[in-house]
PDB file of N, CA and C in Angstrom:
ATOM      1  N   MET A   1     -23.196 120.132 106.002  1.00  0.00           N
ATOM      2  CA  MET A   1     -21.618 119.901 106.759  1.00  0.00           C
ATOM      3  C   MET A   1     -20.703 120.676 106.271  1.00  0.00           C
ATOM      4  N   THR A   2     -20.078 121.283 107.241  1.00  0.00           N
ATOM      5  CA  THR A   2     -19.288 122.101 107.104  1.00  0.00           C
ATOM      6  C   THR A   2     -17.873 121.660 106.393  1.00  0.00           C
ATOM      7  N   HIS A   3     -17.104 122.548 105.653  1.00  0.00           N
ATOM      8  CA  HIS A   3     -15.626 122.281 104.952  1.00  0.00           C
ATOM      9  C   HIS A   3     -14.849 121.565 105.851  1.00  0.00           C
ATOM     10  N   HIS A   4     -14.808 122.232 107.021  1.00  0.00           N
ATOM     11  CA  HIS A   4     -13.874 122.089 108.347  1.00  0.00           C
ATOM     12  C   HIS A   4     -14.333 120.606 108.762  1.00  0.00           C
ATOM     13  N   HIS A   5     -15.358 120.363 109.116  1.00  0.00           N
ATOM     14  CA  HIS A   5     -16.176 119.028 109.547  1.00  0.00           C
ATOM     15  C   HIS A   5     -15.575 117.890 108.540  1.00  0.00           C
ATOM     16  N   HIS A   6     -16.014 118.144 107.231  1.00  0.00           N
ATOM     17  CA  HIS A   6     -15.610 117.160 106.304  1.00  0.00           C
ATOM     18  C   HIS A   6     -14.137 116.827 106.284  1.00  0.00           C
ATOM     19  N   GLU A   7     -13.121 117.624 106.456  1.00  0.00           N
ATOM     20  CA  GLU A   7     -11.808 117.586 106.416  1.00  0.00           C
ATOM     21  C   GLU A   7     -11.484 116.631 107.867  1.00  0.00           C
ATOM     22  N   ALA A   8     -12.132 117.098 108.998  1.00  0.00           N
ATOM     23  CA  ALA A   8     -11.860 116.322 110.183  1.00  0.00           C
ATOM     24  C   ALA A   8     -12.283 114.966 109.821  1.00  0.00           C
ATOM     25  N   GLU A   9     -13.575 114.609 109.247  1.00  0.00           N
ATOM     26  CA  GLU A   9     -13.844 113.156 109.233  1.00  0.00           C
ATOM     27  C   GLU A   9     -13.360 112.478 108.116  1.00  0.00           C
ATOM     28  N   SER A  10     -12.590 112.961 107.168  1.00  0.00           N
ATOM     29  CA  SER A  10     -11.767 112.501 106.422  1.00  0.00           C
ATOM     30  C   SER A  10     -10.189 111.948 106.734  1.00  0.00           C
ATOM     31  N   GLY A  11      -9.825 112.953 107.798  1.00  0.00           N
ATOM     32  CA  GLY A  11      -8.772 112.708 108.500  1.00  0.00           C
ATOM     33  C   GLY A  11      -8.712 111.571 109.447  1.00  0.00           C
ATOM     34  N   ASN A  12      -9.770 111.513 110.075  1.00  0.00           N
ATOM     35  CA  ASN A  12     -10.372 110.338 110.885  1.00  0.00           C
ATOM     36  C   ASN A  12     -10.286 109.022 110.271  1.00  0.00           C
ATOM     37  N   LEU A  13     -10.786 108.935 108.992  1.00  0.00           N
ATOM     38  CA  LEU A  13     -11.038 107.881 108.206  1.00  0.00           C
ATOM     39  C   LEU A  13      -9.621 107.321 107.903  1.00  0.00           C
ATOM     40  N   ASP A  14      -8.740 108.571 107.468  1.00  0.00           N
ATOM     41  CA  ASP A  14      -7.395 108.166 106.961  1.00  0.00           C
ATOM     42  C   ASP A  14      -6.526 107.338 108.174  1.00  0.00           C
ATOM     43  N   ARG A  15      -6.563 108.061 109.356  1.00  0.00           N
ATOM     44  CA  ARG A  15      -6.043 107.257 110.476  1.00  0.00           C
ATOM     45  C   ARG A  15      -6.612 105.964 111.032  1.00  0.00           C
ATOM     46  N   ARG A  16      -8.061 105.810 110.618  1.00  0.00           N
ATOM     47  CA  ARG A  16      -8.490 104.295 111.043  1.00  0.00           C
ATOM     48  C   ARG A  16      -7.860 103.486 110.081  1.00  0.00           C
ATOM     49  N   LEU A  17      -7.820 103.767 108.722  1.00  0.00           N
ATOM     50  CA  LEU A  17      -7.417 102.823 107.635  1.00  0.00           C
ATOM     51  C   LEU A  17      -5.824 102.551 108.136  1.00  0.00           C
ATOM     52  N   TRP A  18      -5.260 103.424 108.426  1.00  0.00           N
ATOM     53  CA  TRP A  18      -3.462 103.162 108.714  1.00  0.00           C
ATOM     54  C   TRP A  18      -3.563 102.380 109.842  1.00  0.00           C
ATOM     55  N   ALA A  19      -4.383 102.685 110.655  1.00  0.00           N
ATOM     56  CA  ALA A  19      -4.356 101.829 112.196  1.00  0.00           C
ATOM     57  C   ALA A  19      -4.715 100.413 111.749  1.00  0.00           C
ATOM     58  N   SER A  20      -5.762 100.370 111.215  1.00  0.00           N
ATOM     59  CA  SER A  20      -6.070  98.926 110.624  1.00  0.00           C
ATOM     60  C   SER A  20      -5.293  97.997 109.724  1.00  0.00           C
ATOM     61  N   ALA A  21      -4.606  98.665 108.778  1.00  0.00           N
ATOM     62  CA  ALA A  21      -3.404  98.097 108.307  1.00  0.00           C
ATOM     63  C   ALA A  21      -2.109  97.835 109.069  1.00  0.00           C
ATOM     64  N   ALA A  22      -1.788  98.786 110.049  1.00  0.00           N
ATOM     65  CA  ALA A  22      -0.722  98.233 111.013  1.00  0.00           C
ATOM     66  C   ALA A  22      -1.228  97.221 111.773  1.00  0.00           C
ATOM     67  N   LEU A  23      -2.281  97.160 112.390  1.00  0.00           N
ATOM     68  CA  LEU A  23      -3.046  96.056 113.336  1.00  0.00           C
ATOM     69  C   LEU A  23      -3.037  94.541 112.424  1.00  0.00           C
ATOM     70  N   ASN A  24      -3.351  94.806 111.482  1.00  0.00           N
ATOM     71  CA  ASN A  24      -3.508  93.532 110.420  1.00  0.00           C
ATOM     72  C   ASN A  24      -2.046  92.914 110.057  1.00  0.00           C
ATOM     73  N   LEU A  25      -0.875  93.958 109.682  1.00  0.00           N
ATOM     74  CA  LEU A  25       0.210  93.381 109.508  1.00  0.00           C
ATOM     75  C   LEU A  25       0.862  92.873 110.742  1.00  0.00           C
ATOM     76  N   CYS A  26       0.599  93.700 111.848  1.00  0.00           N
ATOM     77  CA  CYS A  26       1.239  92.746 113.274  1.00  0.00           C
ATOM     78  C   CYS A  26       0.438  91.368 113.445  1.00  0.00           C
ATOM     79  N   ILE A  27      -0.515  91.136 113.115  1.00  0.00           N
ATOM     80  CA  ILE A  27      -1.383  90.171 113.144  1.00  0.00           C
ATOM     81  C   ILE A  27      -0.681  88.993 112.176  1.00  0.00           C
ATOM     82  N   THR A  28      -0.413  89.329 110.990  1.00  0.00           N
ATOM     83  CA  THR A  28       0.106  88.752 109.832  1.00  0.00           C
ATOM     84  C   THR A  28       1.458  88.199 110.185  1.00  0.00           C
ATOM     85  N   LEU A  29       2.163  88.916 110.906  1.00  0.00           N
ATOM     86  CA  LEU A  29       3.619  88.691 111.321  1.00  0.00           C
ATOM     87  C   LEU A  29       3.744  87.831 112.518  1.00  0.00           C
ATOM     88  N   VAL A  30       2.649  87.882 113.557  1.00  0.00           N
ATOM     89  CA  VAL A  30       2.608  86.884 114.410  1.00  0.00           C
ATOM     90  C   VAL A  30       2.100  85.497 114.123  1.00  0.00           C
ATOM     91  N   GLU A  31       1.051  85.708 113.197  1.00  0.00           N
ATOM     92  CA  GLU A  31       0.805  84.383 112.454  1.00  0.00           C
ATOM     93  C   GLU A  31       1.666  83.455 111.469  1.00  0.00           C
ATOM     94  N   LEU A  32       2.734  84.375 111.096  1.00  0.00           N
ATOM     95  CA  LEU A  32       3.484  83.880 110.047  1.00  0.00           C
ATOM     96  C   LEU A  32       4.526  83.291 110.964  1.00  0.00           C
ATOM     97  N   ALA A  33       5.142  83.943 111.898  1.00  0.00           N
ATOM     98  CA  ALA A  33       6.111  83.261 113.019  1.00  0.00           C
ATOM     99  C   ALA A  33       5.760  82.215 113.588  1.00  0.00           C
ATOM    100  N   GLY A  34       4.299  82.041 114.065  1.00  0.00           N
ATOM    101  CA  GLY A  34       3.695  81.007 114.807  1.00  0.00           C
ATOM    102  C   GLY A  34       3.548  79.749 113.702  1.00  0.00           C
ATOM    103  N   GLY A  35       3.138  80.198 112.478  1.00  0.00           N
ATOM    104  CA  GLY A  35       2.885  79.119 111.599  1.00  0.00           C
ATOM    105  C   GLY A  35       4.152  78.363 111.285  1.00  0.00           C
ATOM    106  N   LEU A  36       5.180  79.196 111.128  1.00  0.00           N
ATOM    107  CA  LEU A  36       6.550  78.593 110.569  1.00  0.00           C
ATOM    108  C   LEU A  36       7.180  77.962 112.001  1.00  0.00           C
ATOM    109  N   TRP A  37       6.942  78.178 113.123  1.00  0.00           N
ATOM    110  CA  TRP A  37       7.301  77.634 114.262  1.00  0.00           C
ATOM    111  C   TRP A  37       6.702  76.326 114.526  1.00  0.00           C
ATOM    112  N   ALA A  38       5.284  76.486 114.440  1.00  0.00           N
ATOM    113  CA  ALA A  38       4.417  75.044 114.740  1.00  0.00           C
ATOM    114  C   ALA A  38       4.596  74.251 113.358  1.00  0.00           C
ATOM    115  N   GLY A  39       4.806  74.698 112.269  1.00  0.00           N
ATOM    116  CA  GLY A  39       4.453  73.790 111.220  1.00  0.00           C
ATOM    117  C   GLY A  39       2.953  73.666 110.861  1.00  0.00           C
ATOM    118  N   SER A  40       2.459  74.898 111.100  1.00  0.00           N
ATOM    119  CA  SER A  40       0.805  74.874 110.898  1.00  0.00           C
ATOM    120  C   SER A  40       0.515  75.568 109.616  1.00  0.00           C
ATOM    121  N   LEU A  41      -0.022  74.562 108.839  1.00  0.00           N
ATOM    122  CA  LEU A  41      -0.420  75.290 107.519  1.00  0.00           C
ATOM    123  C   LEU A  41      -1.609  76.028 107.560  1.00  0.00           C
ATOM    124  N   ALA A  42      -2.565  76.074 108.615  1.00  0.00           N
ATOM    125  CA  ALA A  42      -3.705  76.647 109.063  1.00  0.00           C
ATOM    126  C   ALA A  42      -3.257  78.169 109.489  1.00  0.00           C
ATOM    127  N   LEU A  43      -2.321  78.273 110.187  1.00  0.00           N
ATOM    128  CA  LEU A  43      -1.853  79.523 110.730  1.00  0.00           C
ATOM    129  C   LEU A  43      -0.997  80.369 109.547  1.00  0.00           C
ATOM    130  N   LEU A  44      -0.385  79.448 108.836  1.00  0.00           N
ATOM    131  CA  LEU A  44       0.403  80.021 107.491  1.00  0.00           C
ATOM    132  C   LEU A  44      -0.484  80.506 106.508  1.00  0.00           C
ATOM    133  N   ALA A  45      -1.967  79.868 106.317  1.00  0.00           N
ATOM    134  CA  ALA A  45      -2.926  80.349 105.309  1.00  0.00           C
ATOM    135  C   ALA A  45      -3.687  81.541 105.781  1.00  0.00           C
ATOM    136  N   ASP A  46      -3.765  81.544 107.357  1.00  0.00           N
ATOM    137  CA  ASP A  46      -4.510  82.801 107.771  1.00  0.00           C
ATOM    138  C   ASP A  46      -3.566  84.094 107.582  1.00  0.00           C
ATOM    139  N   ALA A  47      -2.166  83.912 107.719  1.00  0.00           N
ATOM    140  CA  ALA A  47      -1.284  84.847 107.766  1.00  0.00           C
ATOM    141  C   ALA A  47      -1.394  85.227 106.325  1.00  0.00           C
ATOM    142  N   ALA A  48      -1.635  84.420 105.113  1.00  0.00           N
ATOM    143  CA  ALA A  48      -1.667  85.075 103.809  1.00  0.00           C
ATOM    144  C   ALA A  48      -2.965  85.614 103.580  1.00  0.00           C
ATOM    145  N   HIS A  49      -3.970  85.171 104.234  1.00  0.00           N
ATOM    146  CA  HIS A  49      -5.186  85.912 103.931  1.00  0.00           C
ATOM    147  C   HIS A  49      -5.101  87.130 104.759  1.00  0.00           C
ATOM    148  N   ASN A  50      -4.512  87.574 105.805  1.00  0.00           N
ATOM    149  CA  ASN A  50      -4.528  88.908 106.432  1.00  0.00           C
ATOM    150  C   ASN A  50      -3.421  89.640 105.508  1.00  0.00           C
ATOM    151  N   LEU A  51      -2.310  88.989 104.988  1.00  0.00           N
ATOM    152  CA  LEU A  51      -1.593  89.831 104.232  1.00  0.00           C
ATOM    153  C   LEU A  51      -2.470  90.252 103.011  1.00  0.00           C
ATOM    154  N   ALA A  52      -3.282  89.634 102.504  1.00  0.00           N
ATOM    155  CA  ALA A  52      -3.943  90.257 101.538  1.00  0.00           C
ATOM    156  C   ALA A  52      -5.130  91.413 102.190  1.00  0.00           C
ATOM    157  N   ASP A  53      -5.466  91.204 103.062  1.00  0.00           N
ATOM    158  CA  ASP A  53      -6.210  92.221 103.906  1.00  0.00           C
ATOM    159  C   ASP A  53      -5.397  93.640 103.834  1.00  0.00           C
ATOM    160  N   VAL A  54      -4.352  93.481 104.461  1.00  0.00           N
ATOM    161  CA  VAL A  54      -3.401  94.500 104.370  1.00  0.00           C
ATOM    162  C   VAL A  54      -3.072  95.173 102.967  1.00  0.00           C
ATOM    163  N   GLY A  55      -3.138  94.249 101.864  1.00  0.00           N
ATOM    164  CA  GLY A  55      -2.964  94.850 100.705  1.00  0.00           C
ATOM    165  C   GLY A  55      -4.099  95.574 100.302  1.00  0.00           C
ATOM    166  N   ALA A  56      -5.484  95.160 100.735  1.00  0.00           N
ATOM    167  CA  ALA A  56      -6.566  95.867 100.139  1.00  0.00           C
ATOM    168  C   ALA A  56      -6.707  97.053 101.064  1.00  0.00           C
ATOM    169  N   LEU A  57      -6.286  97.141 102.411  1.00  0.00           N
ATOM    170  CA  LEU A  57      -6.152  98.506 103.156  1.00  0.00           C
ATOM    171  C   LEU A  57      -5.149  99.346 102.472  1.00  0.00           C
ATOM    172  N   GLY A  58      -4.035  98.931 102.121  1.00  0.00           N
ATOM    173  CA  GLY A  58      -3.057  99.816 101.314  1.00  0.00           C
ATOM    174  C   GLY A  58      -3.687 100.296 100.115  1.00  0.00           C
ATOM    175  N   LEU A  59      -4.516  99.355  99.286  1.00  0.00           N
ATOM    176  CA  LEU A  59      -5.031  99.999  98.298  1.00  0.00           C
ATOM    177  C   LEU A  59      -6.171 101.197  98.504  1.00  0.00           C
ATOM    178  N   ALA A  60      -6.812 101.038  99.440  1.00  0.00           N
ATOM    179  CA  ALA A  60      -7.694 101.944 100.015  1.00  0.00           C
ATOM    180  C   ALA A  60      -7.210 103.183 100.248  1.00  0.00           C
ATOM    181  N   ILE A  61      -6.041 103.146 100.966  1.00  0.00           N
ATOM    182  CA  ILE A  61      -5.533 104.198 101.291  1.00  0.00           C
ATOM    183  C   ILE A  61      -4.598 105.019  99.971  1.00  0.00           C
ATOM    184  N   PHE A  62      -4.081 104.262  98.924  1.00  0.00           N
ATOM    185  CA  PHE A  62      -3.675 104.832  97.758  1.00  0.00           C
ATOM    186  C   PHE A  62      -4.988 105.555  97.318  1.00  0.00           C
ATOM    187  N   ALA A  63      -5.975 104.760  96.994  1.00  0.00           N
ATOM    188  CA  ALA A  63      -7.024 105.207  96.010  1.00  0.00           C
ATOM    189  C   ALA A  63      -7.720 106.473  97.065  1.00  0.00           C
ATOM    190  N   ARG A  64      -7.710 106.755  98.033  1.00  0.00           N
ATOM    191  CA  ARG A  64      -8.023 107.848  98.758  1.00  0.00           C
ATOM    192  C   ARG A  64      -7.126 109.173  98.653  1.00  0.00           C
ATOM    193  N   ARG A  65      -5.749 108.665  98.558  1.00  0.00           N
ATOM    194  CA  ARG A  65      -4.684 109.807  98.252  1.00  0.00           C
ATOM    195  C   ARG A  65      -5.204 110.294  96.693  1.00  0.00           C
ATOM    196  N   LEU A  66      -5.495 109.211  95.934  1.00  0.00           N
ATOM    197  CA  LEU A  66      -5.751 109.595  94.574  1.00  0.00           C
ATOM    198  C   LEU A  66      -6.774 110.245  94.394  1.00  0.00           C
ATOM    199  N   GLY A  67      -7.868 110.105  94.902  1.00  0.00           N
ATOM    200  CA  GLY A  67      -9.247 110.915  95.244  1.00  0.00           C
ATOM    201  C   GLY A  67      -8.931 112.206  95.529  1.00  0.00           C
ATOM    202  N   GLY A  68      -8.091 112.439  96.440  1.00  0.00           N
ATOM    203  CA  GLY A  68      -7.974 113.871  97.064  1.00  0.00           C
ATOM    204  C   GLY A  68      -7.120 114.617  96.548  1.00  0.00           C
ATOM    205  N   ALA A  69      -6.337 114.167  95.304  1.00  0.00           N
ATOM    206  CA  ALA A  69      -5.456 114.894  94.490  1.00  0.00           C
ATOM    207  C   ALA A  69      -5.944 115.786  93.668  1.00  0.00           C
ATOM    208  N   HIS A  70      -5.548 117.184  93.214  1.00  0.00           N
ATOM    209  CA  HIS A  70      -6.057 118.051  92.661  1.00  0.00           C
ATOM    210  C   HIS A  70      -6.289 117.537  91.219  1.00  0.00           C
ATOM    211  N   PRO A  71      -7.358 117.531  90.387  1.00  0.00           N
ATOM    212  CA  PRO A  71      -7.693 117.211  89.250  1.00  0.00           C
ATOM    213  C   PRO A  71      -6.778 117.967  88.180  1.00  0.00           C
ATOM    214  N   HIS A  72      -6.289 117.159  87.075  1.00  0.00           N
ATOM    215  CA  HIS A  72      -5.503 117.906  86.236  1.00  0.00           C
ATOM    216  C   HIS A  72      -5.780 117.126  84.993  1.00  0.00           C
ATOM    217  N   HIS A  73      -4.951 117.386  83.668  1.00  0.00           N
ATOM    218  CA  HIS A  73      -5.072 116.823  82.611  1.00  0.00           C
ATOM    219  C   HIS A  73      -5.133 115.168  82.252  1.00  0.00           C
ATOM    220  N   ALA A  74      -4.252 114.748  83.285  1.00  0.00           N
ATOM    221  CA  ALA A  74      -4.089 113.056  83.339  1.00  0.00           C
ATOM    222  C   ALA A  74      -5.032 112.483  84.302  1.00  0.00           C
ATOM    223  N   THR A  75      -6.215 112.987  84.475  1.00  0.00           N
ATOM    224  CA  THR A  75      -7.030 112.288  85.529  1.00  0.00           C
ATOM    225  C   THR A  75      -7.546 111.018  84.738  1.00  0.00           C
ATOM    226  N   TYR A  76      -7.751 110.971  83.577  1.00  0.00           N
ATOM    227  CA  TYR A  76      -8.158 109.467  82.718  1.00  0.00           C
ATOM    228  C   TYR A  76      -7.413 108.516  83.344  1.00  0.00           C
ATOM    229  N   GLY A  77      -6.067 108.701  83.304  1.00  0.00           N
ATOM    230  CA  GLY A  77      -4.981 107.663  83.554  1.00  0.00           C
ATOM    231  C   GLY A  77      -4.969 107.150  84.950  1.00  0.00           C
ATOM    232  N   LEU A  78      -5.348 108.039  85.933  1.00  0.00           N
ATOM    233  CA  LEU A  78      -5.376 108.052  87.286  1.00  0.00           C
ATOM    234  C   LEU A  78      -6.729 106.945  87.517  1.00  0.00           C
ATOM    235  N   LYS A  79      -7.736 107.294  86.715  1.00  0.00           N
ATOM    236  CA  LYS A  79      -9.005 106.572  87.070  1.00  0.00           C
ATOM    237  C   LYS A  79      -8.798 105.183  86.616  1.00  0.00           C
ATOM    238  N   ALA A  80      -8.272 105.098  85.524  1.00  0.00           N
ATOM    239  CA  ALA A  80      -7.982 103.789  84.731  1.00  0.00           C
ATOM    240  C   ALA A  80      -7.313 103.025  85.874  1.00  0.00           C
ATOM    241  N   ARG A  81      -6.071 103.532  86.599  1.00  0.00           N
ATOM    242  CA  ARG A  81      -5.416 102.701  87.497  1.00  0.00           C
ATOM    243  C   ARG A  81      -5.981 102.089  88.575  1.00  0.00           C
ATOM    244  N   ARG A  82      -6.962 103.267  89.104  1.00  0.00           N
ATOM    245  CA  ARG A  82      -7.639 102.877  90.355  1.00  0.00           C
ATOM    246  C   ARG A  82      -8.944 101.643  89.818  1.00  0.00           C
ATOM    247  N   SER A  83      -9.376 101.579  88.614  1.00  0.00           N
ATOM    248  CA  SER A  83     -10.397 100.506  88.360  1.00  0.00           C
ATOM    249  C   SER A  83      -9.714  99.353  88.225  1.00  0.00           C
ATOM    250  N   ARG A  84      -8.142  99.409  88.081  1.00  0.00           N
ATOM    251  CA  ARG A  84      -7.611  98.010  87.942  1.00  0.00           C
ATOM    252  C   ARG A  84      -7.314  97.182  89.096  1.00  0.00           C
ATOM    253  N   ARG A  85      -7.371  97.923  90.510  1.00  0.00           N
ATOM    254  CA  ARG A  85      -6.853  97.443  91.548  1.00  0.00           C
ATOM    255  C   ARG A  85      -7.828  96.223  92.036  1.00  0.00           C
ATOM    256  N   GLY A  86      -9.142  96.281  91.752  1.00  0.00           N
ATOM    257  CA  GLY A  86      -9.864  94.875  92.046  1.00  0.00           C
ATOM    258  C   GLY A  86      -9.407  93.703  91.350  1.00  0.00           C
ATOM    259  N   PRO A  87      -9.195  93.816  89.903  1.00  0.00           N
ATOM    260  CA  PRO A  87      -8.892  92.479  89.488  1.00  0.00           C
ATOM    261  C   PRO A  87      -7.434  92.272  89.719  1.00  0.00           C
ATOM    262  N   ASP A  88      -6.673  93.209  90.543  1.00  0.00           N
ATOM    263  CA  ASP A  88      -5.129  93.030  90.846  1.00  0.00           C
ATOM    264  C   ASP A  88      -5.348  92.003  92.348  1.00  0.00           C
ATOM    265  N   GLN A  89      -6.109  92.680  93.048  1.00  0.00           N
ATOM    266  CA  GLN A  89      -6.399  92.029  94.187  1.00  0.00           C
ATOM    267  C   GLN A  89      -6.985  90.403  94.126  1.00  0.00           C
ATOM    268  N   ARG A  90      -7.993  90.335  93.145  1.00  0.00           N
ATOM    269  CA  ARG A  90      -8.437  89.233  93.096  1.00  0.00           C
ATOM    270  C   ARG A  90      -7.478  88.068  92.496  1.00  0.00           C
ATOM    271  N   GLY A  91      -6.578  88.521  91.678  1.00  0.00           N
ATOM    272  CA  GLY A  91      -5.364  87.713  91.274  1.00  0.00           C
ATOM    273  C   GLY A  91      -4.465  87.288  92.379  1.00  0.00           C
ATOM    274  N   ALA A  92      -4.189  88.242  93.153  1.00  0.00           N
ATOM    275  CA  ALA A  92      -3.327  87.807  94.271  1.00  0.00           C
ATOM    276  C   ALA A  92      -3.844  86.900  94.902  1.00  0.00           C
ATOM    277  N   LEU A  93      -5.246  87.117  95.519  1.00  0.00           N
ATOM    278  CA  LEU A  93      -6.164  85.984  96.202  1.00  0.00           C
ATOM    279  C   LEU A  93      -6.094  84.611  95.574  1.00  0.00           C
ATOM    280  N   ILE A  94      -6.254  84.576  94.521  1.00  0.00           N
ATOM    281  CA  ILE A  94      -6.279  83.346  93.791  1.00  0.00           C
ATOM    282  C   ILE A  94      -4.618  82.605  93.786  1.00  0.00           C
ATOM    283  N   ALA A  95      -3.817  83.518  93.509  1.00  0.00           N
ATOM    284  CA  ALA A  95      -2.375  82.778  93.808  1.00  0.00           C
ATOM    285  C   ALA A  95      -2.245  82.270  94.879  1.00  0.00           C
ATOM    286  N   ILE A  96      -2.580  83.029  96.165  1.00  0.00           N
ATOM    287  CA  ILE A  96      -2.436  82.700  97.475  1.00  0.00           C
ATOM    288  C   ILE A  96      -3.099  81.173  97.802  1.00  0.00           C
ATOM    289  N   SER A  97      -4.358  81.235  97.150  1.00  0.00           N
ATOM    290  CA  SER A  97      -5.174  80.139  97.314  1.00  0.00           C
ATOM    291  C   SER A  97      -4.548  78.877  96.664  1.00  0.00           C
ATOM    292  N   ALA A  98      -3.957  78.981  95.339  1.00  0.00           N
ATOM    293  CA  ALA A  98      -3.245  78.110  94.700  1.00  0.00           C
ATOM    294  C   ALA A  98      -2.262  77.691  95.492  1.00  0.00           C
ATOM    295  N   LEU A  99      -1.248  78.253  96.174  1.00  0.00           N
ATOM    296  CA  LEU A  99       0.091  78.110  96.775  1.00  0.00           C
ATOM    297  C   LEU A  99      -0.396  77.255  98.169  1.00  0.00           C
ATOM    298  N   ILE A 100      -1.536  77.777  98.801  1.00  0.00           N
ATOM    299  CA  ILE A 100      -2.037  76.971  99.958  1.00  0.00           C
ATOM    300  C   ILE A 100      -2.655  75.686  99.306  1.00  0.00           C
ATOM    301  N   GLY A 101      -3.376  75.508  98.571  1.00  0.00           N
ATOM    302  CA  GLY A 101      -3.809  74.258  98.154  1.00  0.00           C
ATOM    303  C   GLY A 101      -2.828  73.349  97.573  1.00  0.00           C
ATOM    304  N   ARG A 102      -1.666  73.858  97.243  1.00  0.00           N
ATOM    305  CA  ARG A 102      -0.846  72.961  96.542  1.00  0.00           C
ATOM    306  C   ARG A 102      -0.049  72.348  97.947  1.00  0.00           C
ATOM    307  N   GLU A 103       0.302  73.432  98.709  1.00  0.00           N
ATOM    308  CA  GLU A 103       0.806  72.573 100.143  1.00  0.00           C
ATOM    309  C   GLU A 103      -0.134  71.794 100.799  1.00  0.00           C
ATOM    310  N   ALA A 104      -1.061  72.049 100.828  1.00  0.00           N
ATOM    311  CA  ALA A 104      -2.221  71.188 101.542  1.00  0.00           C
ATOM    312  C   ALA A 104      -2.248  69.677 100.810  1.00  0.00           C
ATOM    313  N   VAL A 105      -2.143  69.589  99.434  1.00  0.00           N
ATOM    314  CA  VAL A 105      -2.079  68.246  98.855  1.00  0.00           C
ATOM    315  C   VAL A 105      -0.929  67.697  99.046  1.00  0.00           C
ATOM    316  N   ALA A 106       0.331  68.450  99.154  1.00  0.00           N
ATOM    317  CA  ALA A 106       1.606  67.905  99.539  1.00  0.00           C
ATOM    318  C   ALA A 106       1.668  67.133 100.807  1.00  0.00           C
ATOM    319  N   ARG A 107       0.740  68.099 101.776  1.00  0.00           N
ATOM    320  CA  ARG A 107       0.993  67.475 103.183  1.00  0.00           C
ATOM    321  C   ARG A 107       0.028  66.045 103.255  1.00  0.00           C
ATOM    322  N   LEU A 108      -0.831  66.019 102.306  1.00  0.00           N
ATOM    323  CA  LEU A 108      -1.899  64.681 102.352  1.00  0.00           C
ATOM    324  C   LEU A 108      -1.191  63.584 102.289  1.00  0.00           C
ATOM    325  N   PHE A 109       0.103  63.722 101.264  1.00  0.00           N
ATOM    326  CA  PHE A 109       0.975  62.685 100.955  1.00  0.00           C
ATOM    327  C   PHE A 109       2.049  62.484 101.673  1.00  0.00           C
ATOM    328  N   HIS A 110       2.475  63.684 102.223  1.00  0.00           N
ATOM    329  CA  HIS A 110       3.922  63.467 103.205  1.00  0.00           C
ATOM    330  C   HIS A 110       3.330  64.484 104.469  1.00  0.00           C
ATOM    331  N   PRO A 111       2.648  63.727 105.257  1.00  0.00           N
ATOM    332  CA  PRO A 111       2.179  64.534 106.827  1.00  0.00           C
ATOM    333  C   PRO A 111       3.407  65.132 107.421  1.00  0.00           C
ATOM    334  N   GLU A 112       3.302  66.365 107.786  1.00  0.00           N
ATOM    335  CA  GLU A 112       4.331  66.589 108.902  1.00  0.00           C
ATOM    336  C   GLU A 112       3.700  67.007 110.130  1.00  0.00           C
ATOM    337  N   PRO A 113       4.533  66.603 111.242  1.00  0.00           N
ATOM    338  CA  PRO A 113       3.851  66.744 112.537  1.00  0.00           C
ATOM    339  C   PRO A 113       3.616  68.174 112.705  1.00  0.00           C
ATOM    340  N   VAL A 114       2.575  68.746 113.550  1.00  0.00           N
ATOM    341  CA  VAL A 114       2.392  70.052 114.020  1.00  0.00           C
ATOM    342  C   VAL A 114       2.723  70.052 115.487  1.00  0.00           C
ATOM    343  N   ARG A 115       3.443  71.300 115.847  1.00  0.00           N
ATOM    344  CA  ARG A 115       3.595  71.446 117.307  1.00  0.00           C
ATOM    345  C   ARG A 115       2.388  71.923 118.197  1.00  0.00           C
ATOM    346  N   ALA A 116       1.521  70.952 118.630  1.00  0.00           N
ATOM    347  CA  ALA A 116       0.535  71.236 119.343  1.00  0.00           C
ATOM    348  C   ALA A 116       0.638  72.215 120.351  1.00  0.00           C
ATOM    349  N   SER A 117       1.516  72.206 121.241  1.00  0.00           N
ATOM    350  CA  SER A 117       1.724  72.938 122.137  1.00  0.00           C
ATOM    351  C   SER A 117       1.867  74.548 121.837  1.00  0.00           C
ATOM    352  N   VAL A 118       2.396  74.736 120.518  1.00  0.00           N
ATOM    353  CA  VAL A 118       2.282  76.053 120.105  1.00  0.00           C
ATOM    354  C   VAL A 118       0.912  76.372 119.621  1.00  0.00           C
ATOM    355  N   MET A 119       0.097  75.472 119.055  1.00  0.00           N
ATOM    356  CA  MET A 119      -1.067  75.978 118.841  1.00  0.00           C
ATOM    357  C   MET A 119      -2.496  75.916 119.732  1.00  0.00           C
ATOM    358  N   LEU A 120      -1.932  75.519 120.912  1.00  0.00           N
ATOM    359  CA  LEU A 120      -2.960  75.052 121.877  1.00  0.00           C
ATOM    360  C   LEU A 120      -2.479  75.968 123.049  1.00  0.00           C
ATOM    361  N   LEU A 121      -3.387  76.479 123.981  1.00  0.00           N
ATOM    362  CA  LEU A 121      -3.158  77.005 125.328  1.00  0.00           C
ATOM    363  C   LEU A 121      -3.490  76.055 126.270  1.00  0.00           C
ATOM    364  N   ARG A 122      -2.465  75.503 126.975  1.00  0.00           N
ATOM    365  CA  ARG A 122      -2.956  74.584 128.036  1.00  0.00           C
ATOM    366  C   ARG A 122      -2.923  75.174 129.509  1.00  0.00           C
ATOM    367  N   ARG A 123      -3.653  74.631 130.329  1.00  0.00           N
ATOM    368  CA  ARG A 123      -3.644  75.055 131.684  1.00  0.00           C
ATOM    369  C   ARG A 123      -2.940  73.925 132.391  1.00  0.00           C
ATOM    370  N   ARG A 124      -2.428  74.068 133.237  1.00  0.00           N
ATOM    371  CA  ARG A 124      -1.731  73.140 134.239  1.00  0.00           C
ATOM    372  C   ARG A 124      -2.188  73.350 135.740  1.00  0.00           C
TER     373      ARG A 124
END
């Protein structure tokens, strides 16, 4: 594979990562707005899940930038930073899950109505 071909594939991957992150962020914002408007914990939970996906894509973009940087004497510190991203992501997902679980239990004891018209598409 030629050097030029490798750079083109790398740039294509970067564009796809950015496009995926942007699309997931748009989906997250729509679900967040719909979840708040409808009072739907399911939509809010999915928005939180998509936000975690946006974070993971952001970390992938960041890791690719670090990987493409020219090596220097401080590369060990960069490698250590990259290796800590997995536990950081897991911690965020655990925190999001705990918040969703807490809200779900609270809604079991104090149910809130959900606007079904927002959640369902009805034909007339």
